[in-house]
Protein backbone atom coordinates (compact mmCIF):
# COMPACT_ATOMS: atom_id res chain seq x y z
CA MET A 1 -19.79 22.71 -29.05
CA GLU A 2 -18.35 19.00 -28.67
CA ALA A 3 -15.42 17.87 -30.61
CA SER A 4 -15.80 14.75 -32.97
CA ALA A 5 -15.90 11.32 -31.45
CA ALA A 6 -12.18 11.51 -33.82
CA ALA A 7 -10.72 14.23 -31.69
CA ARG A 8 -11.18 12.66 -28.63
CA GLU A 9 -9.63 10.02 -26.46
CA ASN A 10 -10.81 6.98 -26.78
CA VAL A 11 -11.21 5.39 -23.10
CA ALA A 12 -12.24 1.58 -21.50
CA VAL A 13 -14.06 1.33 -18.11
CA PHE A 14 -13.61 -1.75 -16.77
CA GLY A 15 -15.72 -1.87 -13.49
CA SER A 16 -17.81 0.54 -15.12
CA THR A 17 -20.39 -0.10 -12.31
CA GLY A 18 -18.16 -0.58 -9.04
CA SER A 19 -17.73 2.41 -7.00
CA ILE A 20 -14.56 3.74 -9.05
CA GLY A 21 -16.04 3.35 -12.67
CA THR A 22 -19.30 5.16 -11.75
CA SER A 23 -16.74 7.87 -10.33
CA THR A 24 -14.53 7.55 -13.76
CA LEU A 25 -17.88 7.82 -16.03
CA ASP A 26 -18.53 11.24 -13.89
CA VAL A 27 -15.82 13.08 -14.66
CA LEU A 28 -15.56 11.44 -18.02
CA ASP A 29 -19.19 13.14 -18.79
CA ARG A 30 -17.97 16.15 -17.38
CA ASN A 31 -15.48 16.73 -20.15
CA LYS A 32 -16.85 14.98 -23.09
CA GLU A 33 -15.41 17.59 -24.97
CA ARG A 34 -12.10 15.59 -24.43
CA TYR A 35 -13.09 11.95 -24.13
CA ALA A 36 -15.11 9.47 -25.26
CA VAL A 37 -15.97 6.14 -23.99
CA ALA A 38 -14.95 3.34 -25.90
CA ALA A 39 -15.92 0.41 -23.54
CA LEU A 40 -17.37 -0.65 -20.47
CA THR A 41 -17.32 -4.10 -18.62
CA ALA A 42 -19.17 -5.10 -15.28
CA ASN A 43 -19.53 -8.36 -13.76
CA THR A 44 -23.21 -8.63 -13.08
CA ASN A 45 -24.73 -5.66 -12.97
CA VAL A 46 -26.57 -5.44 -15.96
CA GLU A 47 -29.24 -3.13 -15.04
CA LEU A 48 -26.74 -0.10 -14.53
CA ILE A 49 -24.53 -1.38 -17.07
CA PHE A 50 -26.95 -0.66 -19.52
CA GLN A 51 -28.37 2.39 -18.87
CA GLN A 52 -24.76 3.47 -18.88
CA CYS A 53 -24.62 2.31 -22.65
CA LEU A 54 -27.66 4.06 -23.49
CA LYS A 55 -25.83 7.10 -21.86
CA PHE A 56 -22.59 6.79 -23.37
CA LYS A 57 -23.36 4.87 -26.12
CA PRO A 58 -19.40 2.23 -26.05
CA ALA A 59 -18.58 0.36 -29.08
CA MET A 60 -17.79 -2.27 -26.72
CA ALA A 61 -19.19 -4.00 -23.59
CA ALA A 62 -18.64 -6.92 -21.68
CA MET A 63 -19.67 -8.98 -18.73
CA ALA A 64 -18.33 -11.52 -16.51
CA SER A 65 -20.53 -14.00 -17.45
CA VAL A 66 -21.98 -15.51 -20.32
CA GLU A 67 -25.81 -15.14 -19.06
CA ALA A 68 -25.20 -11.49 -18.12
CA GLY A 69 -23.78 -10.77 -21.45
CA ALA A 70 -26.67 -11.89 -23.17
CA GLU A 71 -29.36 -10.39 -21.09
CA LEU A 72 -27.52 -7.49 -22.00
CA ALA A 73 -26.74 -7.61 -25.27
CA LEU A 74 -30.96 -8.42 -25.87
CA ARG A 75 -31.63 -5.57 -23.79
CA LEU A 76 -29.39 -3.27 -26.06
CA LYS A 77 -30.81 -4.69 -29.12
CA HIS A 78 -34.47 -4.17 -28.08
CA ALA A 79 -33.78 -0.23 -26.83
CA GLY A 80 -32.20 0.57 -30.44
CA CYS A 81 -28.38 0.92 -28.75
CA LYS A 82 -25.56 -0.20 -31.44
CA THR A 83 -23.08 -1.46 -28.52
CA GLN A 84 -21.39 -4.53 -29.03
CA VAL A 85 -21.55 -7.34 -25.99
CA LEU A 86 -18.27 -9.20 -26.30
CA LYS A 87 -19.26 -13.00 -25.24
CA SER A 88 -15.54 -14.75 -25.62
CA PRO A 89 -13.97 -15.90 -22.36
CA ASP A 90 -10.66 -13.64 -23.04
CA ALA A 91 -13.31 -10.12 -23.95
CA LEU A 92 -11.57 -7.92 -21.46
CA SER A 93 -8.33 -8.28 -23.10
CA GLN A 94 -9.83 -8.23 -25.99
CA ILE A 95 -10.77 -4.39 -25.29
CA ALA A 96 -7.48 -4.43 -23.55
CA ALA A 97 -5.81 -4.96 -27.03
CA ASP A 98 -7.78 -3.15 -29.20
CA ARG A 99 -6.42 -0.10 -31.34
CA SER A 100 -9.42 2.31 -30.81
CA VAL A 101 -8.75 2.59 -26.86
CA GLN A 102 -6.07 4.92 -25.72
CA THR A 103 -6.89 4.59 -22.18
CA VAL A 104 -7.59 1.79 -20.19
CA MET A 105 -9.30 2.67 -16.54
CA ALA A 106 -8.12 -0.60 -14.53
CA ALA A 107 -11.22 -0.81 -11.86
CA ILE A 108 -11.94 -4.90 -11.58
CA VAL A 109 -11.65 -5.37 -7.81
CA GLY A 110 -9.17 -8.19 -7.04
CA PHE A 111 -7.34 -10.84 -8.40
CA ALA A 112 -10.15 -10.75 -12.23
CA GLY A 113 -8.53 -7.60 -12.49
CA LEU A 114 -4.76 -9.20 -13.95
CA GLN A 115 -4.84 -9.87 -16.98
CA SER A 116 -6.80 -7.21 -18.75
CA THR A 117 -4.55 -5.18 -17.16
CA ILE A 118 -1.23 -7.14 -18.23
CA THR A 119 -2.54 -7.20 -21.77
CA ALA A 120 -3.46 -3.33 -21.65
CA ALA A 121 0.56 -2.92 -20.73
CA MET A 122 2.21 -4.83 -23.32
CA HIS A 123 -0.42 -3.03 -26.10
CA GLY A 124 0.93 -0.19 -24.53
CA LYS A 125 -1.98 1.55 -22.99
CA ARG A 126 -2.21 5.14 -20.32
CA ILE A 127 -3.25 2.91 -17.67
CA LEU A 128 -5.08 4.29 -15.02
CA LEU A 129 -5.00 1.49 -12.33
CA ALA A 130 -7.57 1.37 -9.22
CA ASN A 131 -6.92 -2.20 -9.64
CA LYS A 132 -4.24 -2.78 -6.66
CA GLU A 133 -3.99 -6.42 -6.67
CA ALA A 134 -2.53 -6.78 -10.55
CA MET A 135 0.46 -4.50 -8.75
CA VAL A 136 0.71 -6.36 -5.12
CA VAL A 137 0.26 -10.20 -7.02
CA ALA A 138 2.57 -9.38 -10.71
CA GLY A 139 3.89 -6.31 -9.43
CA GLU A 140 7.39 -7.27 -11.61
CA ILE A 141 5.69 -8.77 -14.50
CA LEU A 142 3.61 -5.85 -14.70
CA ASN A 143 6.05 -3.63 -14.69
CA GLN A 144 7.98 -5.90 -17.52
CA ALA A 145 4.68 -5.74 -19.52
CA ALA A 146 4.57 -1.76 -19.29
CA ARG A 147 8.29 -1.46 -20.33
CA THR A 148 8.01 -4.05 -23.15
CA GLY A 149 4.86 -2.28 -24.59
CA ASP A 150 5.81 1.30 -23.70
CA ALA A 151 2.86 1.41 -21.61
CA CYS A 152 2.64 4.35 -19.22
CA ILE A 153 0.98 3.20 -15.73
CA ILE A 154 -0.57 6.28 -13.46
CA PRO A 155 -1.79 4.97 -10.13
CA VAL A 156 -5.27 6.26 -8.99
CA ASP A 157 -5.67 4.42 -5.80
CA SER A 158 -5.98 8.23 -3.90
CA GLU A 159 -2.77 7.68 -1.82
CA HIS A 160 -0.65 6.46 -4.60
CA ASN A 161 -1.70 9.25 -6.86
CA ALA A 162 -0.72 11.74 -4.36
CA ILE A 163 2.78 10.77 -4.46
CA PHE A 164 2.52 10.24 -7.69
CA GLN A 165 1.39 14.23 -8.09
CA CYS A 166 4.04 14.90 -5.32
CA LEU A 167 7.40 13.57 -6.88
CA PRO A 168 9.78 14.87 -9.40
CA GLU A 169 8.48 15.12 -12.89
CA SER A 170 11.01 12.51 -14.16
CA ASN A 171 9.55 9.95 -11.85
CA ARG A 172 6.31 9.85 -12.98
CA CYS A 173 5.65 7.03 -15.86
CA ASP A 174 9.21 6.02 -15.19
CA THR A 175 9.55 2.61 -16.40
CA ALA A 176 12.77 2.32 -15.18
CA LYS A 177 11.48 2.08 -11.87
CA THR A 178 14.05 4.24 -10.20
CA LEU A 179 13.47 6.60 -7.99
CA HIS A 180 16.20 10.01 -8.25
CA GLY A 181 15.54 13.62 -7.66
CA GLY A 182 16.77 13.16 -3.93
CA VAL A 183 13.41 11.27 -2.49
CA THR A 184 14.23 9.72 0.53
CA SER A 185 11.05 7.82 1.64
CA LEU A 186 7.10 7.71 0.48
CA VAL A 187 4.69 8.15 3.36
CA LEU A 188 1.22 6.59 2.67
CA THR A 189 -1.35 8.09 4.84
CA ALA A 190 -4.26 6.25 6.50
CA SER A 191 -8.03 6.81 7.98
CA GLY A 192 -7.00 3.98 9.99
CA GLY A 193 -10.56 2.62 9.64
CA PRO A 194 -13.27 2.72 12.00
CA PHE A 195 -12.25 0.81 14.60
CA ARG A 196 -8.96 2.84 15.08
CA GLU A 197 -9.85 3.33 18.69
CA TYR A 198 -11.65 0.02 19.47
CA ALA A 199 -9.74 -1.75 22.42
CA ALA A 200 -8.49 -5.52 21.52
CA ASP A 201 -11.18 -7.39 23.47
CA GLN A 202 -13.91 -6.01 20.85
CA MET A 203 -12.78 -6.65 17.62
CA GLN A 204 -13.82 -10.14 17.78
CA SER A 205 -17.60 -9.18 18.08
CA ILE A 206 -17.71 -6.59 14.69
CA THR A 207 -20.32 -7.20 12.80
CA LEU A 208 -20.20 -6.86 9.04
CA GLU A 209 -22.46 -3.76 9.08
CA GLU A 210 -19.90 -1.99 11.34
CA ALA A 211 -16.97 -2.50 9.17
CA LEU A 212 -18.46 -1.46 5.90
CA SER A 213 -19.22 2.13 7.65
CA HIS A 214 -16.14 3.83 6.79
CA PRO A 215 -15.65 6.86 8.60
CA ASN A 216 -14.37 8.82 5.25
CA TRP A 217 -14.64 7.01 1.95
CA GLU A 218 -17.46 5.44 -0.48
CA MET A 219 -16.08 1.87 -1.54
CA GLY A 220 -16.63 -1.10 -2.83
CA ARG A 221 -17.34 -3.27 -0.14
CA LYS A 222 -13.99 -5.18 -0.23
CA VAL A 223 -11.85 -2.40 -0.50
CA THR A 224 -14.18 -1.05 2.79
CA ILE A 225 -13.68 -4.49 4.67
CA ASP A 226 -9.80 -4.18 4.12
CA SER A 227 -9.85 -0.71 4.81
CA ALA A 228 -11.61 -1.70 8.48
CA THR A 229 -8.15 -4.31 8.62
CA LEU A 230 -5.56 -1.80 7.58
CA MET A 231 -5.24 -4.67 4.70
CA ASN A 232 -5.90 -2.01 2.36
CA LYS A 233 -3.04 -0.25 3.70
CA GLY A 234 -0.54 -3.02 3.82
CA LEU A 235 -1.73 -3.83 0.18
CA GLU A 236 -0.93 -0.10 -0.84
CA VAL A 237 2.61 -0.53 0.92
CA ILE A 238 3.60 -3.24 -1.81
CA GLU A 239 2.00 -1.66 -4.78
CA ALA A 240 3.98 1.41 -3.78
CA SER A 241 6.66 -0.53 -3.79
CA TYR A 242 6.65 -1.63 -7.01
CA LEU A 243 4.81 1.19 -9.31
CA PHE A 244 7.67 3.62 -8.04
CA GLY A 245 10.53 1.22 -7.36
CA ILE A 246 11.31 1.72 -3.91
CA GLU A 247 12.19 -0.93 -0.85
CA GLU A 248 9.88 -1.60 2.13
CA SER A 249 11.81 -0.20 4.23
CA MET A 250 11.22 3.57 2.69
CA ILE A 251 7.85 3.02 2.69
CA GLU A 252 6.33 4.29 5.78
CA VAL A 253 2.62 4.79 6.83
CA VAL A 254 0.53 6.92 8.84
CA VAL A 255 -2.73 7.08 10.69
CA HIS A 256 -4.49 10.68 9.28
CA PRO A 257 -8.20 10.55 10.42
CA GLU A 258 -9.51 12.98 8.24
CA SER A 259 -8.28 11.83 5.24
CA THR A 260 -7.11 15.16 3.96
CA ILE A 261 -3.53 14.74 3.30
CA HIS A 262 -3.65 11.35 1.12
CA SER A 263 0.14 11.02 1.27
CA MET A 264 3.22 12.74 0.72
CA VAL A 265 6.99 12.44 -0.71
CA ARG A 266 10.43 13.36 1.98
CA TYR A 267 13.33 14.59 -0.03
CA VAL A 268 16.80 14.86 1.30
CA ASP A 269 16.88 18.34 2.10
CA GLY A 270 14.50 17.72 4.60
CA SER A 271 11.25 18.99 2.81
CA VAL A 272 8.42 17.12 2.67
CA LEU A 273 5.13 17.64 0.10
CA ALA A 274 2.14 16.48 0.45
CA GLN A 275 -0.81 16.42 -1.55
CA LEU A 276 -4.26 17.87 0.07
CA GLY A 277 -7.67 17.59 -1.33
CA GLN A 278 -11.09 16.12 -0.27
CA PRO A 279 -12.01 12.40 0.28
CA ASP A 280 -13.43 12.07 -3.12
CA MET A 281 -12.27 9.59 -5.66
CA ARG A 282 -12.95 11.76 -8.47
CA THR A 283 -9.51 13.90 -7.71
CA PRO A 284 -7.09 11.38 -8.36
CA ILE A 285 -9.47 9.91 -11.14
CA ALA A 286 -8.72 13.22 -12.96
CA ASN A 287 -5.38 13.87 -12.49
CA ALA A 288 -5.03 10.60 -13.91
CA LEU A 289 -6.81 10.79 -17.35
CA ALA A 290 -5.32 13.96 -17.65
CA TRP A 291 -1.62 14.34 -16.32
CA PRO A 292 -0.10 16.79 -17.39
CA ASP A 293 -2.58 18.67 -17.29
CA ARG A 294 -5.57 19.43 -14.83
CA ILE A 295 -9.50 19.04 -15.70
CA ASP A 296 -12.95 19.97 -13.90
CA ALA A 297 -13.54 16.54 -11.10
CA GLY A 298 -16.88 18.15 -10.17
CA VAL A 299 -15.03 18.23 -6.52
CA ALA A 300 -15.35 20.97 -3.94
CA PRO A 301 -12.36 22.72 -2.86
CA LEU A 302 -11.16 22.52 0.83
CA ASP A 303 -12.29 25.14 3.31
CA PHE A 304 -8.97 25.49 5.29
CA VAL A 305 -10.97 28.21 7.55
CA SER A 306 -13.79 25.14 8.48
CA LEU A 307 -11.17 22.14 8.13
CA GLY A 308 -9.58 22.55 11.74
CA SER A 309 -6.79 20.56 13.38
CA LEU A 310 -5.18 17.32 11.63
CA HIS A 311 -4.09 14.09 13.79
CA PHE A 312 -1.13 11.63 12.96
CA ALA A 313 -0.59 8.71 14.96
CA ALA A 314 1.66 5.40 14.16
CA PRO A 315 -0.30 2.69 13.07
CA ASP A 316 -1.20 -0.54 16.11
CA VAL A 317 -0.15 -3.51 13.92
CA ASP A 318 -1.04 -5.76 17.38
CA ARG A 319 -4.60 -4.59 16.62
CA PHE A 320 -4.51 -4.45 12.12
CA PRO A 321 -1.62 -7.23 12.06
CA CYS A 322 -2.49 -7.36 8.12
CA LEU A 323 -0.71 -4.18 7.80
CA ALA A 324 2.52 -6.19 9.17
CA LEU A 325 1.37 -9.29 7.28
CA ALA A 326 1.83 -7.48 3.93
CA ARG A 327 5.04 -5.74 4.66
CA ARG A 328 6.64 -9.55 5.51
CA ALA A 329 4.67 -10.41 2.25
CA LEU A 330 6.76 -8.03 0.29
CA ARG A 331 9.97 -8.84 2.05
CA GLN A 332 10.06 -12.47 1.48
CA GLY A 333 8.79 -11.93 -2.39
CA ASN A 334 8.91 -15.05 -4.40
CA GLY A 335 4.81 -15.27 -5.06
CA ALA A 336 4.26 -14.11 -1.17
CA THR A 337 2.14 -10.93 -2.02
CA GLY A 338 -0.10 -13.23 -4.53
CA VAL A 339 -0.32 -15.70 -1.85
CA LEU A 340 -1.18 -13.16 0.45
CA ASN A 341 -3.51 -11.50 -1.81
CA ALA A 342 -4.88 -14.56 -2.63
CA ALA A 343 -5.96 -15.63 1.05
CA ASN A 344 -7.18 -12.17 2.20
CA GLU A 345 -10.12 -12.54 -0.94
CA VAL A 346 -10.81 -15.73 0.36
CA SER A 347 -11.26 -14.48 4.00
CA VAL A 348 -12.66 -11.51 4.06
CA GLU A 349 -15.60 -13.50 1.80
CA GLN A 350 -16.15 -16.12 4.33
CA PHE A 351 -16.57 -12.72 6.61
CA VAL A 352 -18.83 -11.33 4.23
CA ASN A 353 -20.59 -14.34 4.36
CA GLY A 354 -20.79 -14.70 8.16
CA ARG A 355 -18.57 -18.08 8.82
CA ILE A 356 -15.57 -16.37 10.14
CA HIS A 357 -15.56 -13.62 12.71
CA PHE A 358 -13.98 -10.08 12.01
CA THR A 359 -10.35 -10.88 13.41
CA ASP A 360 -10.71 -14.04 12.04
CA ILE A 361 -9.50 -12.49 8.54
CA ALA A 362 -5.89 -11.50 9.99
CA ARG A 363 -5.91 -15.33 11.35
CA VAL A 364 -6.64 -17.30 8.27
CA ASN A 365 -4.45 -14.72 6.34
CA ALA A 366 -1.24 -15.48 8.20
CA HIS A 367 -1.39 -18.85 8.60
CA ALA A 368 -1.37 -19.04 4.69
CA LEU A 369 1.55 -16.64 4.38
CA ASP A 370 3.21 -19.22 7.37
CA ASN A 371 2.24 -22.59 5.52
CA PHE A 372 1.97 -22.29 1.67
CA SER A 373 5.02 -21.55 -0.14
CA PRO A 374 5.19 -21.69 -3.70
CA THR A 375 7.84 -21.70 -6.00
CA ALA A 376 8.09 -18.04 -7.60
CA PRO A 377 6.05 -17.18 -10.62
CA GLN A 378 7.65 -16.40 -14.18
CA ASN A 379 4.69 -15.94 -15.63
CA VAL A 380 0.62 -15.05 -15.93
CA ASP A 381 0.01 -18.97 -15.97
CA ASP A 382 2.41 -18.99 -12.53
CA LEU A 383 0.56 -16.23 -10.82
CA PHE A 384 -2.42 -17.60 -11.34
CA SER A 385 -1.77 -21.53 -10.41
CA ILE A 386 -0.69 -19.65 -6.34
CA ASP A 387 -3.55 -17.77 -6.82
CA GLN A 388 -5.63 -21.36 -7.05
CA LEU A 389 -3.41 -23.13 -4.69
CA THR A 390 -3.73 -20.16 -1.85
CA ARG A 391 -7.28 -19.91 -2.34
CA GLN A 392 -8.16 -24.04 -1.82
CA PHE A 393 -5.25 -23.90 1.00
CA ALA A 394 -7.12 -21.60 3.08
CA LEU A 395 -10.69 -22.56 2.29
CA GLU A 396 -9.45 -25.92 3.61
CA TYR A 397 -8.31 -24.22 6.91
CA ILE A 398 -11.39 -22.33 7.50
CA ASP A 399 -13.64 -25.60 7.04
CA ARG A 400 -10.73 -27.38 9.28
CA GLU A 401 -10.00 -25.26 12.13
CA VAL A 402 -11.65 -21.88 11.51
CA SER A 403 -15.37 -21.34 10.40
CA VAL A 404 -18.19 -20.40 13.00
CA ILE A 405 -21.09 -21.65 11.32
């Protein structure tokens, strides 16, 4: 028998029409006795969020644009659905601060998800962090907001969730961000993307279709391209540093093509703890939702007999320079990670639009990191300023020296 709404945990899913959002709703649907969907938000996909609202009947919904919000509200009204569509510019933050919401799945891709994530932290929510850019751009500010609001941030990225599971219990949701318990380093695994065996002279001619063909994971377009350039792994190095309170030099990256071991933790006694599983995002989503419990995620168990051997290699930073750029930005500090993130969002968009080559993504990112030096951000307004100025800087560079159109 289904529990009453009052007895269930209220979850807001930010970015409900994306790959993480839809996977989250699948897990929530499998555990209806435990969770209720309190709010859904999306960018422009009115049709899908409309269907989601009809199925899950959230109290609130929001769209990125006024036009999309108006269309959703009209369709829901005609369908007799009582979901309230919030249309104010701060609708996401309004949902994040709502007292009825206990847990927030932060799955909006890119810088756009930052403000609502910080708001959720300031209001003491359980934050399931799938938006790595929020931690990359605003690590110290987001951590401070979590300390102020007594929020718990649980990573959903498969690598960071794997580390979360392998850490000592006392390190999880530690707002002090100080690793202890004998941890000596973190090991992030990387699939290597679709081009790990490409020669350097093959990289220039990579097409968008090829870049979107990830060998293991089904992800959104931006994350898939970041995986192909290894920028995704670079952003994960930055995120791990802020999430777990560990220096850049203590974060290793190893290419593991099978994507079976999702990441590892080294200990002072020589032990290495690893988290294994299918390459299915529903596993880390379910873990983050239910921690410290476990719930059904709908994921098939590993078959070790048919799995065969596992392989590991060092990443090639000459062919994939974005990984090294991310490490450098983390060491630089003073807003450099925000600069790199903004430049990367611009360069990936321009590659998608056919204006630059695949290899130009790293070129644009390096130019921004080398030549744009903002003052250290002190608040969210500073972060927004760095983001906007970097985007303009990167676009001007592309228009002037890079564009192939």
